[in-house]
């Protein structure tokens, strides 16, 4: 193999590998940004559900069915696992302290 062919082949391999590494880094970066956005969006939606339950059963001092408390607990667990805390924790604690209704449970949505 002559020097021109060898040099061209080295240049081509280096360029292709560099492009491939750049593509992979870009792909991973976009993927991580989407995961972060998804996680943040889910936290916002879960916190909103806690706020809705809190408003209905704590702020309006309504009796809270057991199944709504169970839902609030599940929502808070998911919210907390996604890194949420603070406001959600306070809302969850107050929902858990709300008086329980003695009626047959109905799903509140």
PDB file of N, CA and C in Angstrom:
ATOM      1  N   UNK A   1       0.862  -1.162   0.000  1.00  0.00           N
ATOM      2  CA  UNK A   1       0.000   0.000   0.000  1.00  0.00           C
ATOM      3  C   UNK A   1       0.914   1.232   0.000  1.00  0.00           C
ATOM      4  N   UNK A   2       0.634   2.172  -0.875  1.00  0.00           N
ATOM      5  CA  UNK A   2       1.481   3.367  -0.940  1.00  0.00           C
ATOM      6  C   UNK A   2       1.095   4.356   0.142  1.00  0.00           C
ATOM      7  N   UNK A   3       1.885   5.377   0.348  1.00  0.00           N
ATOM      8  CA  UNK A   3       1.702   6.340   1.436  1.00  0.00           C
ATOM      9  C   UNK A   3       0.428   7.154   1.263  1.00  0.00           C
ATOM     10  N   UNK A   4       0.070   7.463   0.012  1.00  0.00           N
ATOM     11  CA  UNK A   4      -1.148   8.235  -0.246  1.00  0.00           C
ATOM     12  C   UNK A   4      -2.382   7.446   0.180  1.00  0.00           C
ATOM     13  N   UNK A   5      -2.461   6.193  -0.187  1.00  0.00           N
ATOM     14  CA  UNK A   5      -3.589   5.337   0.167  1.00  0.00           C
ATOM     15  C   UNK A   5      -3.647   5.122   1.672  1.00  0.00           C
ATOM     16  N   UNK A   6      -2.499   4.908   2.285  1.00  0.00           N
ATOM     17  CA  UNK A   6      -2.438   4.702   3.731  1.00  0.00           C
ATOM     18  C   UNK A   6      -2.905   5.951   4.477  1.00  0.00           C
ATOM     19  N   UNK A   7      -2.423   7.110   4.052  1.00  0.00           N
ATOM     20  CA  UNK A   7      -2.811   8.369   4.699  1.00  0.00           C
ATOM     21  C   UNK A   7      -4.294   8.641   4.506  1.00  0.00           C
ATOM     22  N   UNK A   8      -4.810   8.405   3.309  1.00  0.00           N
ATOM     23  CA  UNK A   8      -6.223   8.614   3.026  1.00  0.00           C
ATOM     24  C   UNK A   8      -7.082   7.682   3.862  1.00  0.00           C
ATOM     25  N   UNK A   9      -6.694   6.442   3.970  1.00  0.00           N
ATOM     26  CA  UNK A   9      -7.434   5.468   4.767  1.00  0.00           C
ATOM     27  C   UNK A   9      -7.440   5.857   6.243  1.00  0.00           C
ATOM     28  N   UNK A  10      -6.296   6.303   6.775  1.00  0.00           N
ATOM     29  CA  UNK A  10      -6.230   6.749   8.176  1.00  0.00           C
ATOM     30  C   UNK A  10      -7.134   7.953   8.395  1.00  0.00           C
ATOM     31  N   UNK A  11      -7.109   8.886   7.461  1.00  0.00           N
ATOM     32  CA  UNK A  11      -7.943  10.090   7.567  1.00  0.00           C
ATOM     33  C   UNK A  11      -9.425   9.703   7.535  1.00  0.00           C
ATOM     34  N   UNK A  12      -9.793   8.802   6.630  1.00  0.00           N
ATOM     35  CA  UNK A  12     -11.175   8.366   6.493  1.00  0.00           C
ATOM     36  C   UNK A  12     -11.659   7.643   7.747  1.00  0.00           C
ATOM     37  N   UNK A  13     -10.851   6.744   8.283  1.00  0.00           N
ATOM     38  CA  UNK A  13     -11.231   6.011   9.499  1.00  0.00           C
ATOM     39  C   UNK A  13     -11.386   6.979  10.668  1.00  0.00           C
ATOM     40  N   UNK A  14     -10.461   7.917  10.808  1.00  0.00           N
ATOM     41  CA  UNK A  14     -10.527   8.900  11.896  1.00  0.00           C
ATOM     42  C   UNK A  14     -11.782   9.762  11.776  1.00  0.00           C
ATOM     43  N   UNK A  15     -12.094  10.195  10.574  1.00  0.00           N
ATOM     44  CA  UNK A  15     -13.284  11.031  10.347  1.00  0.00           C
ATOM     45  C   UNK A  15     -14.564  10.265  10.655  1.00  0.00           C
ATOM     46  N   UNK A  16     -14.649   9.043  10.172  1.00  0.00           N
ATOM     47  CA  UNK A  16     -15.846   8.232  10.412  1.00  0.00           C
ATOM     48  C   UNK A  16     -16.012   7.942  11.903  1.00  0.00           C
ATOM     49  N   UNK A  17     -14.947   7.572  12.573  1.00  0.00           N
ATOM     50  CA  UNK A  17     -15.033   7.295  14.018  1.00  0.00           C
ATOM     51  C   UNK A  17     -15.389   8.561  14.794  1.00  0.00           C
ATOM     52  N   UNK A  18     -14.807   9.682  14.431  1.00  0.00           N
ATOM     53  CA  UNK A  18     -15.134  10.947  15.097  1.00  0.00           C
ATOM     54  C   UNK A  18     -16.595  11.315  14.911  1.00  0.00           C
ATOM     55  N   UNK A  19     -17.096  11.132  13.684  1.00  0.00           N
ATOM     56  CA  UNK A  19     -18.505  11.401  13.415  1.00  0.00           C
ATOM     57  C   UNK A  19     -19.418  10.482  14.203  1.00  0.00           C
ATOM     58  N   UNK A  20     -19.043   9.230  14.289  1.00  0.00           N
ATOM     59  CA  UNK A  20     -19.841   8.255  15.036  1.00  0.00           C
ATOM     60  C   UNK A  20     -19.878   8.601  16.527  1.00  0.00           C
ATOM     61  N   UNK A  21     -18.748   8.957  17.081  1.00  0.00           N
ATOM     62  CA  UNK A  21     -18.694   9.352  18.498  1.00  0.00           C
ATOM     63  C   UNK A  21     -19.539  10.603  18.719  1.00  0.00           C
ATOM     64  N   UNK A  22     -19.429  11.582  17.822  1.00  0.00           N
ATOM     65  CA  UNK A  22     -20.243  12.797  17.933  1.00  0.00           C
ATOM     66  C   UNK A  22     -21.730  12.495  17.883  1.00  0.00           C
ATOM     67  N   UNK A  23     -22.119  11.615  16.971  1.00  0.00           N
ATOM     68  CA  UNK A  23     -23.524  11.221  16.858  1.00  0.00           C
ATOM     69  C   UNK A  23     -24.006  10.554  18.137  1.00  0.00           C
ATOM     70  N   UNK A  24     -23.221   9.637  18.676  1.00  0.00           N
ATOM     71  CA  UNK A  24     -23.613   8.929  19.903  1.00  0.00           C
ATOM     72  C   UNK A  24     -23.739   9.879  21.084  1.00  0.00           C
ATOM     73  N   UNK A  25     -22.814  10.812  21.204  1.00  0.00           N
ATOM     74  CA  UNK A  25     -22.884  11.794  22.295  1.00  0.00           C
ATOM     75  C   UNK A  25     -24.126  12.660  22.146  1.00  0.00           C
ATOM     76  N   UNK A  26     -24.405  13.106  20.937  1.00  0.00           N
ATOM     77  CA  UNK A  26     -25.594  13.916  20.684  1.00  0.00           C
ATOM     78  C   UNK A  26     -26.865  13.134  21.002  1.00  0.00           C
ATOM     79  N   UNK A  27     -26.918  11.874  20.576  1.00  0.00           N
ATOM     80  CA  UNK A  27     -28.080  11.027  20.827  1.00  0.00           C
ATOM     81  C   UNK A  27     -28.312  10.843  22.326  1.00  0.00           C
ATOM     82  N   UNK A  28     -27.252  10.544  23.063  1.00  0.00           N
ATOM     83  CA  UNK A  28     -27.374  10.344  24.508  1.00  0.00           C
ATOM     84  C   UNK A  28     -27.792  11.626  25.212  1.00  0.00           C
ATOM     85  N   UNK A  29     -27.264  12.750  24.762  1.00  0.00           N
ATOM     86  CA  UNK A  29     -27.603  14.041  25.365  1.00  0.00           C
ATOM     87  C   UNK A  29     -29.092  14.349  25.167  1.00  0.00           C
ATOM     88  N   UNK A  30     -29.605  14.140  23.949  1.00  0.00           N
ATOM     89  CA  UNK A  30     -31.029  14.369  23.690  1.00  0.00           C
ATOM     90  C   UNK A  30     -31.886  13.419  24.503  1.00  0.00           C
ATOM     91  N   UNK A  31     -31.460  12.178  24.608  1.00  0.00           N
ATOM     92  CA  UNK A  31     -32.206  11.186  25.366  1.00  0.00           C
ATOM     93  C   UNK A  31     -32.285  11.560  26.844  1.00  0.00           C
ATOM     94  N   UNK A  32     -31.159  12.015  27.389  1.00  0.00           N
ATOM     95  CA  UNK A  32     -31.147  12.416  28.804  1.00  0.00           C
ATOM     96  C   UNK A  32     -32.021  13.649  29.023  1.00  0.00           C
ATOM     97  N   UNK A  33     -32.025  14.585  28.078  1.00  0.00           N
ATOM     98  CA  UNK A  33     -32.867  15.770  28.208  1.00  0.00           C
ATOM     99  C   UNK A  33     -34.343  15.406  28.167  1.00  0.00           C
ATOM    100  N   UNK A  34     -34.703  14.450  27.289  1.00  0.00           N
ATOM    101  CA  UNK A  34     -36.096  14.003  27.234  1.00  0.00           C
ATOM    102  C   UNK A  34     -36.498  13.305  28.522  1.00  0.00           C
ATOM    103  N   UNK A  35     -35.617  12.474  29.062  1.00  0.00           N
ATOM    104  CA  UNK A  35     -35.910  11.798  30.325  1.00  0.00           C
ATOM    105  C   UNK A  35     -36.104  12.810  31.443  1.00  0.00           C
ATOM    106  N   UNK A  36     -35.257  13.821  31.472  1.00  0.00           N
ATOM    107  CA  UNK A  36     -35.357  14.853  32.506  1.00  0.00           C
ATOM    108  C   UNK A  36     -36.666  15.623  32.364  1.00  0.00           C
ATOM    109  N   UNK A  37     -37.044  15.974  31.134  1.00  0.00           N
ATOM    110  CA  UNK A  37     -38.291  16.695  30.895  1.00  0.00           C
ATOM    111  C   UNK A  37     -39.494  15.833  31.271  1.00  0.00           C
ATOM    112  N   UNK A  38     -39.440  14.551  30.932  1.00  0.00           N
ATOM    113  CA  UNK A  38     -40.525  13.634  31.272  1.00  0.00           C
ATOM    114  C   UNK A  38     -40.685  13.529  32.787  1.00  0.00           C
ATOM    115  N   UNK A  39     -39.577  13.365  33.477  1.00  0.00           N
ATOM    116  CA  UNK A  39     -39.611  13.260  34.939  1.00  0.00           C
ATOM    117  C   UNK A  39     -40.176  14.530  35.558  1.00  0.00           C
ATOM    118  N   UNK A  40     -39.717  15.672  35.084  1.00  0.00           N
ATOM    119  CA  UNK A  40     -40.208  16.939  35.622  1.00  0.00           C
ATOM    120  C   UNK A  40     -41.702  17.111  35.338  1.00  0.00           C
ATOM    121  N   UNK A  41     -42.124  16.743  34.135  1.00  0.00           N
ATOM    122  CA  UNK A  41     -43.539  16.848  33.795  1.00  0.00           C
ATOM    123  C   UNK A  41     -44.401  15.940  34.652  1.00  0.00           C
ATOM    124  N   UNK A  42     -43.943  14.730  34.888  1.00  0.00           N
ATOM    125  CA  UNK A  42     -44.699  13.806  35.744  1.00  0.00           C
ATOM    126  C   UNK A  42     -44.800  14.337  37.167  1.00  0.00           C
ATOM    127  N   UNK A  43     -43.708  14.917  37.678  1.00  0.00           N
ATOM    128  CA  UNK A  43     -43.749  15.499  39.031  1.00  0.00           C
ATOM    129  C   UNK A  43     -44.798  16.599  39.100  1.00  0.00           C
ATOM    130  N   UNK A  44     -44.850  17.442  38.067  1.00  0.00           N
ATOM    131  CA  UNK A  44     -45.824  18.539  38.039  1.00  0.00           C
ATOM    132  C   UNK A  44     -47.249  17.985  38.055  1.00  0.00           C
ATOM    133  N   UNK A  45     -47.521  16.969  37.237  1.00  0.00           N
ATOM    134  CA  UNK A  45     -48.865  16.387  37.188  1.00  0.00           C
ATOM    135  C   UNK A  45     -49.244  15.708  38.501  1.00  0.00           C
ATOM    136  N   UNK A  46     -48.306  14.986  39.093  1.00  0.00           N
ATOM    137  CA  UNK A  46     -48.588  14.322  40.367  1.00  0.00           C
ATOM    138  C   UNK A  46     -48.822  15.343  41.477  1.00  0.00           C
ATOM    139  N   UNK A  47     -48.016  16.410  41.501  1.00  0.00           N
ATOM    140  CA  UNK A  47     -48.224  17.461  42.503  1.00  0.00           C
ATOM    141  C   UNK A  47     -49.579  18.133  42.297  1.00  0.00           C
ATOM    142  N   UNK A  48     -49.977  18.331  41.028  1.00  0.00           N
ATOM    143  CA  UNK A  48     -51.281  18.932  40.736  1.00  0.00           C
ATOM    144  C   UNK A  48     -52.414  18.067  41.282  1.00  0.00           C
ATOM    145  N   UNK A  49     -52.266  16.743  41.166  1.00  0.00           N
ATOM    146  CA  UNK A  49     -53.303  15.845  41.705  1.00  0.00           C
ATOM    147  C   UNK A  49     -53.364  15.946  43.221  1.00  0.00           C
ATOM    148  N   UNK A  50     -52.208  16.031  43.869  1.00  0.00           N
ATOM    149  CA  UNK A  50     -52.201  16.220  45.326  1.00  0.00           C
ATOM    150  C   UNK A  50     -52.873  17.535  45.702  1.00  0.00           C
ATOM    151  N   UNK A  51     -52.617  18.573  44.924  1.00  0.00           N
ATOM    152  CA  UNK A  51     -53.235  19.883  45.189  1.00  0.00           C
ATOM    153  C   UNK A  51     -54.752  19.781  45.046  1.00  0.00           C
ATOM    154  N   UNK A  52     -55.226  19.092  44.001  1.00  0.00           N
ATOM    155  CA  UNK A  52     -56.676  18.920  43.809  1.00  0.00           C
ATOM    156  C   UNK A  52     -57.318  18.207  44.985  1.00  0.00           C
ATOM    157  N   UNK A  53     -56.713  17.096  45.404  1.00  0.00           N
ATOM    158  CA  UNK A  53     -57.261  16.336  46.538  1.00  0.00           C
ATOM    159  C   UNK A  53     -57.221  17.190  47.805  1.00  0.00           C
ATOM    160  N   UNK A  54     -56.118  17.877  48.018  1.00  0.00           N
ATOM    161  CA  UNK A  54     -55.960  18.726  49.202  1.00  0.00           C
ATOM    162  C   UNK A  54     -57.022  19.817  49.227  1.00  0.00           C
ATOM    163  N   UNK A  55     -57.230  20.442  48.070  1.00  0.00           N
ATOM    164  CA  UNK A  55     -58.221  21.528  48.010  1.00  0.00           C
ATOM    165  C   UNK A  55     -59.613  21.036  48.370  1.00  0.00           C
ATOM    166  N   UNK A  56     -59.985  19.876  47.812  1.00  0.00           N
ATOM    167  CA  UNK A  56     -61.336  19.367  48.048  1.00  0.00           C
ATOM    168  C   UNK A  56     -61.549  18.882  49.477  1.00  0.00           C
ATOM    169  N   UNK A  57     -60.583  18.153  50.021  1.00  0.00           N
ATOM    170  CA  UNK A  57     -60.818  17.485  51.299  1.00  0.00           C
ATOM    171  C   UNK A  57     -60.194  18.176  52.505  1.00  0.00           C
ATOM    172  N   UNK A  58     -59.206  19.004  52.299  1.00  0.00           N
ATOM    173  CA  UNK A  58     -58.576  19.692  53.429  1.00  0.00           C
ATOM    174  C   UNK A  58     -59.051  21.134  53.492  1.00  0.00           C
ATOM    175  N   UNK A  59     -58.890  21.858  52.389  1.00  0.00           N
ATOM    176  CA  UNK A  59     -59.262  23.278  52.399  1.00  0.00           C
ATOM    177  C   UNK A  59     -60.762  23.478  52.570  1.00  0.00           C
ATOM    178  N   UNK A  60     -61.578  22.594  51.976  1.00  0.00           N
ATOM    179  CA  UNK A  60     -63.031  22.706  52.117  1.00  0.00           C
ATOM    180  C   UNK A  60     -63.557  21.882  53.277  1.00  0.00           C
ATOM    181  N   UNK A  61     -62.641  21.273  54.007  1.00  0.00           N
ATOM    182  CA  UNK A  61     -62.961  20.514  55.214  1.00  0.00           C
ATOM    183  C   UNK A  61     -64.044  19.458  54.981  1.00  0.00           C
ATOM    184  N   UNK A  62     -63.971  18.782  53.809  1.00  0.00           N
ATOM    185  CA  UNK A  62     -64.892  17.685  53.518  1.00  0.00           C
ATOM    186  C   UNK A  62     -64.336  16.398  54.110  1.00  0.00           C
ATOM    187  N   UNK A  63     -65.234  15.442  54.350  1.00  0.00           N
ATOM    188  CA  UNK A  63     -64.789  14.126  54.790  1.00  0.00           C
ATOM    189  C   UNK A  63     -64.151  13.414  53.606  1.00  0.00           C
ATOM    190  N   UNK A  64     -63.047  12.738  53.856  1.00  0.00           N
ATOM    191  CA  UNK A  64     -62.242  12.122  52.788  1.00  0.00           C
ATOM    192  C   UNK A  64     -62.448  10.613  52.769  1.00  0.00           C
ATOM    193  N   UNK A  65     -62.951  10.068  51.653  1.00  0.00           N
ATOM    194  CA  UNK A  65     -63.104   8.619  51.558  1.00  0.00           C
ATOM    195  C   UNK A  65     -61.743   7.913  51.636  1.00  0.00           C
ATOM    196  N   UNK A  66     -61.755   6.699  52.128  1.00  0.00           N
ATOM    197  CA  UNK A  66     -60.523   5.927  52.282  1.00  0.00           C
ATOM    198  C   UNK A  66     -59.820   5.735  50.945  1.00  0.00           C
ATOM    199  N   UNK A  67     -60.597   5.465  49.883  1.00  0.00           N
ATOM    200  CA  UNK A  67     -59.959   5.228  48.584  1.00  0.00           C
ATOM    201  C   UNK A  67     -59.267   6.489  48.057  1.00  0.00           C
ATOM    202  N   UNK A  68     -59.743   7.653  48.414  1.00  0.00           N
ATOM    203  CA  UNK A  68     -59.079   8.899  48.006  1.00  0.00           C
ATOM    204  C   UNK A  68     -57.768   9.052  48.773  1.00  0.00           C
ATOM    205  N   UNK A  69     -57.783   8.676  50.043  1.00  0.00           N
ATOM    206  CA  UNK A  69     -56.530   8.713  50.814  1.00  0.00           C
ATOM    207  C   UNK A  69     -55.518   7.722  50.232  1.00  0.00           C
ATOM    208  N   UNK A  70     -56.004   6.545  49.834  1.00  0.00           N
ATOM    209  CA  UNK A  70     -55.109   5.564  49.215  1.00  0.00           C
ATOM    210  C   UNK A  70     -54.534   6.103  47.905  1.00  0.00           C
ATOM    211  N   UNK A  71     -55.384   6.757  47.111  1.00  0.00           N
ATOM    212  CA  UNK A  71     -54.912   7.363  45.866  1.00  0.00           C
ATOM    213  C   UNK A  71     -53.870   8.436  46.151  1.00  0.00           C
ATOM    214  N   UNK A  72     -54.149   9.273  47.136  1.00  0.00           N
ATOM    215  CA  UNK A  72     -53.200  10.332  47.495  1.00  0.00           C
ATOM    216  C   UNK A  72     -51.869   9.738  47.932  1.00  0.00           C
ATOM    217  N   UNK A  73     -51.926   8.626  48.639  1.00  0.00           N
ATOM    218  CA  UNK A  73     -50.705   7.963  49.091  1.00  0.00           C
ATOM    219  C   UNK A  73     -49.909   7.419  47.894  1.00  0.00           C
ATOM    220  N   UNK A  74     -50.605   6.809  46.941  1.00  0.00           N
ATOM    221  CA  UNK A  74     -49.946   6.291  45.740  1.00  0.00           C
ATOM    222  C   UNK A  74     -49.348   7.428  44.901  1.00  0.00           C
ATOM    223  N   UNK A  75     -50.108   8.511  44.759  1.00  0.00           N
ATOM    224  CA  UNK A  75     -49.631   9.672  44.002  1.00  0.00           C
ATOM    225  C   UNK A  75     -48.392  10.249  44.673  1.00  0.00           C
ATOM    226  N   UNK A  76     -48.446  10.385  45.995  1.00  0.00           N
ATOM    227  CA  UNK A  76     -47.297  10.942  46.713  1.00  0.00           C
ATOM    228  C   UNK A  76     -46.071  10.035  46.596  1.00  0.00           C
ATOM    229  N   UNK A  77     -46.276   8.721  46.688  1.00  0.00           N
ATOM    230  CA  UNK A  77     -45.148   7.793  46.578  1.00  0.00           C
ATOM    231  C   UNK A  77     -44.459   7.955  45.227  1.00  0.00           C
ATOM    232  N   UNK A  78     -45.237   7.999  44.152  1.00  0.00           N
ATOM    233  CA  UNK A  78     -44.663   8.193  42.811  1.00  0.00           C
ATOM    234  C   UNK A  78     -43.982   9.554  42.716  1.00  0.00           C
ATOM    235  N   UNK A  79     -44.637  10.595  43.246  1.00  0.00           N
ATOM    236  CA  UNK A  79     -44.088  11.953  43.235  1.00  0.00           C
ATOM    237  C   UNK A  79     -42.744  11.993  43.957  1.00  0.00           C
ATOM    238  N   UNK A  80     -42.690  11.373  45.105  1.00  0.00           N
ATOM    239  CA  UNK A  80     -41.466  11.364  45.908  1.00  0.00           C
ATOM    240  C   UNK A  80     -40.355  10.569  45.205  1.00  0.00           C
ATOM    241  N   UNK A  81     -40.706   9.437  44.599  1.00  0.00           N
ATOM    242  CA  UNK A  81     -39.725   8.613  43.878  1.00  0.00           C
ATOM    243  C   UNK A  81     -39.124   9.366  42.696  1.00  0.00           C
ATOM    244  N   UNK A  82     -39.876  10.309  42.125  1.00  0.00           N
ATOM    245  CA  UNK A  82     -39.381  11.112  41.006  1.00  0.00           C
ATOM    246  C   UNK A  82     -38.593  12.330  41.474  1.00  0.00           C
ATOM    247  N   UNK A  83     -38.366  12.421  42.770  1.00  0.00           N
ATOM    248  CA  UNK A  83     -37.544  13.507  43.297  1.00  0.00           C
ATOM    249  C   UNK A  83     -38.330  14.668  43.868  1.00  0.00           C
ATOM    250  N   UNK A  84     -39.648  14.563  43.875  1.00  0.00           N
ATOM    251  CA  UNK A  84     -40.467  15.635  44.440  1.00  0.00           C
ATOM    252  C   UNK A  84     -40.462  15.563  45.955  1.00  0.00           C
ATOM    253  N   UNK A  85     -40.550  16.704  46.585  1.00  0.00           N
ATOM    254  CA  UNK A  85     -40.641  16.752  48.048  1.00  0.00           C
ATOM    255  C   UNK A  85     -41.196  18.114  48.444  1.00  0.00           C
ATOM    256  N   UNK A  86     -40.977  18.531  49.642  1.00  0.00           N
ATOM    257  CA  UNK A  86     -41.396  19.861  50.081  1.00  0.00           C
ATOM    258  C   UNK A  86     -42.897  20.037  50.071  1.00  0.00           C
ATOM    259  N   UNK A  87     -43.393  20.748  49.067  1.00  0.00           N
ATOM    260  CA  UNK A  87     -44.815  21.058  48.972  1.00  0.00           C
ATOM    261  C   UNK A  87     -45.650  19.781  48.940  1.00  0.00           C
ATOM    262  N   UNK A  88     -45.242  18.824  48.130  1.00  0.00           N
ATOM    263  CA  UNK A  88     -45.981  17.565  48.035  1.00  0.00           C
ATOM    264  C   UNK A  88     -46.043  16.825  49.355  1.00  0.00           C
ATOM    265  N   UNK A  89     -44.959  16.843  50.090  1.00  0.00           N
ATOM    266  CA  UNK A  89     -44.923  16.185  51.401  1.00  0.00           C
ATOM    267  C   UNK A  89     -45.920  16.846  52.351  1.00  0.00           C
ATOM    268  N   UNK A  90     -45.939  18.161  52.362  1.00  0.00           N
ATOM    269  CA  UNK A  90     -46.863  18.899  53.233  1.00  0.00           C
ATOM    270  C   UNK A  90     -48.321  18.596  52.849  1.00  0.00           C
ATOM    271  N   UNK A  91     -48.607  18.623  51.552  1.00  0.00           N
ATOM    272  CA  UNK A  91     -49.968  18.325  51.090  1.00  0.00           C
ATOM    273  C   UNK A  91     -50.372  16.902  51.488  1.00  0.00           C
ATOM    274  N   UNK A  92     -49.479  15.958  51.276  1.00  0.00           N
ATOM    275  CA  UNK A  92     -49.750  14.548  51.599  1.00  0.00           C
ATOM    276  C   UNK A  92     -50.048  14.378  53.085  1.00  0.00           C
ATOM    277  N   UNK A  93     -49.250  14.982  53.920  1.00  0.00           N
ATOM    278  CA  UNK A  93     -49.459  14.867  55.368  1.00  0.00           C
ATOM    279  C   UNK A  93     -50.816  15.414  55.771  1.00  0.00           C
ATOM    280  N   UNK A  94     -51.200  16.549  55.205  1.00  0.00           N
ATOM    281  CA  UNK A  94     -52.503  17.130  55.553  1.00  0.00           C
ATOM    282  C   UNK A  94     -53.662  16.291  55.021  1.00  0.00           C
ATOM    283  N   UNK A  95     -53.495  15.698  53.835  1.00  0.00           N
ATOM    284  CA  UNK A  95     -54.541  14.811  53.304  1.00  0.00           C
ATOM    285  C   UNK A  95     -54.685  13.585  54.203  1.00  0.00           C
ATOM    286  N   UNK A  96     -53.567  13.021  54.631  1.00  0.00           N
ATOM    287  CA  UNK A  96     -53.618  11.844  55.510  1.00  0.00           C
ATOM    288  C   UNK A  96     -54.249  12.181  56.860  1.00  0.00           C
ATOM    289  N   UNK A  97     -54.152  13.443  57.293  1.00  0.00           N
ATOM    290  CA  UNK A  97     -54.752  13.869  58.557  1.00  0.00           C
ATOM    291  C   UNK A  97     -56.225  14.237  58.425  1.00  0.00           C
ATOM    292  N   UNK A  98     -56.749  14.320  57.191  1.00  0.00           N
ATOM    293  CA  UNK A  98     -58.150  14.695  56.978  1.00  0.00           C
ATOM    294  C   UNK A  98     -59.071  13.638  57.574  1.00  0.00           C
ATOM    295  N   UNK A  99     -60.230  14.082  58.006  1.00  0.00           N
ATOM    296  CA  UNK A  99     -61.219  13.155  58.580  1.00  0.00           C
ATOM    297  C   UNK A  99     -61.726  12.208  57.496  1.00  0.00           C
ATOM    298  N   UNK A 100     -61.928  10.951  57.895  1.00  0.00           N
ATOM    299  CA  UNK A 100     -62.371   9.914  56.964  1.00  0.00           C
ATOM    300  C   UNK A 100     -63.894   9.869  56.933  1.00  0.00           C
ATOM    301  N   UNK A 101     -64.453   9.740  55.712  1.00  0.00           N
ATOM    302  CA  UNK A 101     -65.907   9.648  55.588  1.00  0.00           C
ATOM    303  C   UNK A 101     -66.351   8.231  55.964  1.00  0.00           C
ATOM    304  N   UNK A 102     -67.553   8.132  56.497  1.00  0.00           N
ATOM    305  CA  UNK A 102     -68.086   6.822  56.872  1.00  0.00           C
ATOM    306  C   UNK A 102     -68.955   6.257  55.768  1.00  0.00           C
ATOM    307  N   UNK A 103     -69.206   7.030  54.704  1.00  0.00           N
ATOM    308  CA  UNK A 103     -69.996   6.562  53.565  1.00  0.00           C
ATOM    309  C   UNK A 103     -69.205   5.542  52.774  1.00  0.00           C
ATOM    310  N   UNK A 104     -69.903   4.820  51.897  1.00  0.00           N
ATOM    311  CA  UNK A 104     -69.189   3.907  51.011  1.00  0.00           C
ATOM    312  C   UNK A 104     -68.298   4.732  50.098  1.00  0.00           C
ATOM    313  N   UNK A 105     -67.073   4.277  49.892  1.00  0.00           N
ATOM    314  CA  UNK A 105     -66.114   5.075  49.145  1.00  0.00           C
ATOM    315  C   UNK A 105     -66.519   5.250  47.682  1.00  0.00           C
ATOM    316  N   UNK A 106     -66.330   6.478  47.206  1.00  0.00           N
ATOM    317  CA  UNK A 106     -66.527   6.781  45.793  1.00  0.00           C
ATOM    318  C   UNK A 106     -65.280   7.459  45.277  1.00  0.00           C
ATOM    319  N   UNK A 107     -64.908   7.139  44.076  1.00  0.00           N
ATOM    320  CA  UNK A 107     -63.692   7.696  43.476  1.00  0.00           C
ATOM    321  C   UNK A 107     -63.963   9.154  43.131  1.00  0.00           C
ATOM    322  N   UNK A 108     -63.095  10.033  43.582  1.00  0.00           N
ATOM    323  CA  UNK A 108     -63.227  11.455  43.306  1.00  0.00           C
ATOM    324  C   UNK A 108     -62.239  11.852  42.214  1.00  0.00           C
ATOM    325  N   UNK A 109     -62.749  12.383  41.140  1.00  0.00           N
ATOM    326  CA  UNK A 109     -61.869  12.842  40.047  1.00  0.00           C
ATOM    327  C   UNK A 109     -62.404  14.101  39.469  1.00  0.00           C
TER     328      UNK A 109
END
